[in-house]
Each structure stands twice: as structure tokens, then as C-alpha cells.
């Protein structure tokens, strides 16, 4: 006999649920499957419209290290991975911000 962890009622070993409170007992395999499912959801936590944190990291790589990001973009593009698109966005944003900064600083220096 085993005890129900919720109500403490004595339950037979082969029962799937508690007769008193309805608590459902899981086998070790079911517990491991549930844990694996929850871990995979945490690993690839989706944000708005399917955006994943690894894409943000790829975008930041392209923004702060454009040359390294370009090499990573080619690698991911050959693997047909969506991360290559986000690295490209980061590289383009870096070029745009750098160009604007250059124009502003050049305009201020000549004034």
C-alpha cells in the first residue's frame, strides 16, 4: 500500500489514482517524459510571434561584431537555419547606425 501525497489516503500499489481526492499517480517514465517536455519548452521559450531568444543573440552578434556575424551568417545559411536572417538584420542595423553616427559626427566637426 502507498499513501496519497495530497490527502494521505491509503491506496493500492497498482491504482492509477486516489479514490478520495482523485490525485493521479504517474509512473517514473511518465514523470521523466513530463520533465523532458517542460525542459524543452524552457529551452526554446517563444516570445511574440515565435521569436526565440537565440535569434536575439544572433541579431546582437551581427550588430556588435559585424564581421564575425557575417561569417556566422554564411555558416547558418548553409545549414538552412533561420538565425542567418537575424544576423543579417543585426549587420544591417549596425551599418545603418554606424553611418548615421558618422554623418552626425562629420556634420558636427565641420560646423
C-alpha atoms as a PDB file:
ATOM      1  CA  UNK A   1       0.000   0.000   0.000  1.00  0.00           C
ATOM      2  CA  UNK A   2       1.115   3.527  -0.710  1.00  0.00           C
ATOM      3  CA  UNK A   3      -0.115   6.860   0.599  1.00  0.00           C
ATOM      4  CA  UNK A   4      -1.625   9.608  -1.481  1.00  0.00           C
ATOM      5  CA  UNK A   5       0.655  12.687  -1.269  1.00  0.00           C
ATOM      6  CA  UNK A   6      -2.355  15.021  -1.342  1.00  0.00           C
ATOM      7  CA  UNK A   7      -4.792  13.582   1.200  1.00  0.00           C
ATOM      8  CA  UNK A   8      -2.806  10.783   2.891  1.00  0.00           C
ATOM      9  CA  UNK A   9      -5.345   8.098   1.993  1.00  0.00           C
ATOM     10  CA  UNK A  10      -4.013   4.525   1.724  1.00  0.00           C
ATOM     11  CA  UNK A  11      -4.049   3.403  -1.920  1.00  0.00           C
ATOM     12  CA  UNK A  12      -3.220   0.051  -3.536  1.00  0.00           C
ATOM     13  CA  UNK A  13       0.115  -0.117  -5.394  1.00  0.00           C
ATOM     14  CA  UNK A  14      -1.448  -0.716  -8.813  1.00  0.00           C
ATOM     15  CA  UNK A  15      -4.098   2.043  -8.555  1.00  0.00           C
ATOM     16  CA  UNK A  16      -3.648   4.917 -11.020  1.00  0.00           C
ATOM     17  CA  UNK A  17      -5.479   7.491  -8.884  1.00  0.00           C
ATOM     18  CA  UNK A  18      -6.633   8.159  -5.334  1.00  0.00           C
ATOM     19  CA  UNK A  19     -10.259   7.231  -4.567  1.00  0.00           C
ATOM     20  CA  UNK A  20     -10.661  10.059  -2.050  1.00  0.00           C
ATOM     21  CA  UNK A  21      -9.215  13.122  -3.774  1.00  0.00           C
ATOM     22  CA  UNK A  22      -8.629  11.985  -7.367  1.00  0.00           C
ATOM     23  CA  UNK A  23      -4.858  12.546  -7.355  1.00  0.00           C
ATOM     24  CA  UNK A  24      -3.342  10.802 -10.396  1.00  0.00           C
ATOM     25  CA  UNK A  25      -0.192   8.769  -9.788  1.00  0.00           C
ATOM     26  CA  UNK A  26       2.410   8.835 -12.556  1.00  0.00           C
ATOM     27  CA  UNK A  27       4.933   6.154 -13.362  1.00  0.00           C
ATOM     28  CA  UNK A  28       8.631   7.043 -13.395  1.00  0.00           C
ATOM     29  CA  UNK A  29       8.593   7.041 -17.205  1.00  0.00           C
ATOM     30  CA  UNK A  30       5.633   9.456 -17.304  1.00  0.00           C
ATOM     31  CA  UNK A  31       7.418  11.756 -14.831  1.00  0.00           C
ATOM     32  CA  UNK A  32      10.568  11.759 -16.988  1.00  0.00           C
ATOM     33  CA  UNK A  33       8.562  12.472 -20.157  1.00  0.00           C
ATOM     34  CA  UNK A  34       6.769  15.359 -18.456  1.00  0.00           C
ATOM     35  CA  UNK A  35      10.084  16.738 -17.197  1.00  0.00           C
ATOM     36  CA  UNK A  36      11.648  16.462 -20.676  1.00  0.00           C
ATOM     37  CA  UNK A  37       8.672  18.252 -22.231  1.00  0.00           C
ATOM     38  CA  UNK A  38       8.859  21.084 -19.725  1.00  0.00           C
ATOM     39  CA  UNK A  39      12.645  21.386 -20.185  1.00  0.00           C
ATOM     40  CA  UNK A  40      12.295  21.652 -23.966  1.00  0.00           C
ATOM     41  CA  UNK A  41       9.689  24.381 -23.530  1.00  0.00           C
ATOM     42  CA  UNK A  42      12.052  26.341 -21.275  1.00  0.00           C
ATOM     43  CA  UNK A  43      14.975  25.870 -23.678  1.00  0.00           C
ATOM     44  CA  UNK A  44      13.055  27.265 -26.635  1.00  0.00           C
ATOM     45  CA  UNK A  45      10.851  29.747 -24.896  1.00  0.00           C
ATOM     46  CA  UNK A  46       8.904  31.536 -27.574  1.00  0.00           C
ATOM     47  CA  UNK A  47       8.173  35.201 -27.410  1.00  0.00           C
ATOM     48  CA  UNK A  48       5.741  37.219 -29.529  1.00  0.00           C
ATOM     49  CA  UNK A  49       5.055  35.598 -32.923  1.00  0.00           C
ATOM     50  CA  UNK A  50       7.537  32.751 -32.457  1.00  0.00           C
ATOM     51  CA  UNK A  51      10.609  34.901 -31.799  1.00  0.00           C
ATOM     52  CA  UNK A  52      13.181  32.908 -29.864  1.00  0.00           C
ATOM     53  CA  UNK A  53      15.978  34.235 -27.673  1.00  0.00           C
ATOM     54  CA  UNK A  54      18.641  32.538 -29.810  1.00  0.00           C
ATOM     55  CA  UNK A  55      17.566  34.793 -32.685  1.00  0.00           C
ATOM     56  CA  UNK A  56      18.076  37.836 -30.491  1.00  0.00           C
ATOM     57  CA  UNK A  57      21.578  36.610 -29.669  1.00  0.00           C
ATOM     58  CA  UNK A  58      22.267  36.130 -33.377  1.00  0.00           C
ATOM     59  CA  UNK A  59      20.995  39.644 -34.076  1.00  0.00           C
ATOM     60  CA  UNK A  60      23.187  41.124 -31.336  1.00  0.00           C
ATOM     61  CA  UNK A  61      26.188  39.210 -32.685  1.00  0.00           C
ATOM     62  CA  UNK A  62      25.617  40.769 -36.107  1.00  0.00           C
ATOM     63  CA  UNK A  63      25.157  44.235 -34.608  1.00  0.00           C
ATOM     64  CA  UNK A  64      28.186  44.366 -32.319  1.00  0.00           C
ATOM     65  CA  UNK A  65      30.565  42.158 -34.324  1.00  0.00           C
ATOM     66  CA  UNK A  66      29.514  42.537 -37.965  1.00  0.00           C
ATOM     67  CA  UNK A  67      32.457  40.647 -39.462  1.00  0.00           C
ATOM     68  CA  UNK A  68      32.081  37.696 -37.095  1.00  0.00           C
ATOM     69  CA  UNK A  69      28.346  37.890 -37.642  1.00  0.00           C
ATOM     70  CA  UNK A  70      28.851  37.728 -41.397  1.00  0.00           C
ATOM     71  CA  UNK A  71      30.862  34.502 -41.089  1.00  0.00           C
ATOM     72  CA  UNK A  72      28.227  33.067 -38.727  1.00  0.00           C
ATOM     73  CA  UNK A  73      25.514  34.150 -41.162  1.00  0.00           C
ATOM     74  CA  UNK A  74      27.159  32.221 -44.017  1.00  0.00           C
ATOM     75  CA  UNK A  75      27.542  29.150 -41.787  1.00  0.00           C
ATOM     76  CA  UNK A  76      23.904  29.236 -40.655  1.00  0.00           C
ATOM     77  CA  UNK A  77      22.715  29.994 -44.190  1.00  0.00           C
ATOM     78  CA  UNK A  78      24.436  26.832 -45.436  1.00  0.00           C
ATOM     79  CA  UNK A  79      22.658  24.871 -42.692  1.00  0.00           C
ATOM     80  CA  UNK A  80      19.345  26.480 -43.763  1.00  0.00           C
ATOM     81  CA  UNK A  81      18.823  27.973 -40.335  1.00  0.00           C
ATOM     82  CA  UNK A  82      16.590  30.979 -39.649  1.00  0.00           C
ATOM     83  CA  UNK A  83      19.303  32.506 -37.464  1.00  0.00           C
ATOM     84  CA  UNK A  84      21.153  33.687 -40.588  1.00  0.00           C
ATOM     85  CA  UNK A  85      18.320  36.112 -41.335  1.00  0.00           C
ATOM     86  CA  UNK A  86      18.543  37.670 -37.870  1.00  0.00           C
ATOM     87  CA  UNK A  87      22.326  38.012 -38.078  1.00  0.00           C
ATOM     88  CA  UNK A  88      21.800  39.865 -41.363  1.00  0.00           C
ATOM     89  CA  UNK A  89      19.298  42.178 -39.637  1.00  0.00           C
ATOM     90  CA  UNK A  90      21.891  42.885 -36.953  1.00  0.00           C
ATOM     91  CA  UNK A  91      24.600  43.594 -39.545  1.00  0.00           C
ATOM     92  CA  UNK A  92      22.314  45.941 -41.483  1.00  0.00           C
ATOM     93  CA  UNK A  93      21.316  47.748 -38.289  1.00  0.00           C
ATOM     94  CA  UNK A  94      24.978  48.101 -37.360  1.00  0.00           C
ATOM     95  CA  UNK A  95      25.802  49.595 -40.760  1.00  0.00           C
ATOM     96  CA  UNK A  96      22.848  51.980 -40.538  1.00  0.00           C
ATOM     97  CA  UNK A  97      23.660  53.136 -37.012  1.00  0.00           C
ATOM     98  CA  UNK A  98      27.363  53.460 -37.871  1.00  0.00           C
ATOM     99  CA  UNK A  99      26.584  55.501 -40.981  1.00  0.00           C
ATOM    100  CA  UNK A 100      24.233  57.806 -39.101  1.00  0.00           C
ATOM    101  CA  UNK A 101      26.794  58.249 -36.326  1.00  0.00           C
ATOM    102  CA  UNK A 102      29.492  59.046 -38.916  1.00  0.00           C
ATOM    103  CA  UNK A 103      27.274  61.619 -40.670  1.00  0.00           C
ATOM    104  CA  UNK A 104      26.310  63.283 -37.393  1.00  0.00           C
ATOM    105  CA  UNK A 105      29.892  63.425 -36.140  1.00  0.00           C
ATOM    106  CA  UNK A 106      31.180  64.616 -39.526  1.00  0.00           C
ATOM    107  CA  UNK A 107      28.481  67.334 -39.608  1.00  0.00           C
ATOM    108  CA  UNK A 108      29.336  68.465 -36.096  1.00  0.00           C
ATOM    109  CA  UNK A 109      33.055  68.552 -36.851  1.00  0.00           C
ATOM    110  CA  UNK A 110      32.584  70.746 -39.911  1.00  0.00           C
ATOM    111  CA  UNK A 111      30.265  73.202 -38.121  1.00  0.00           C
END
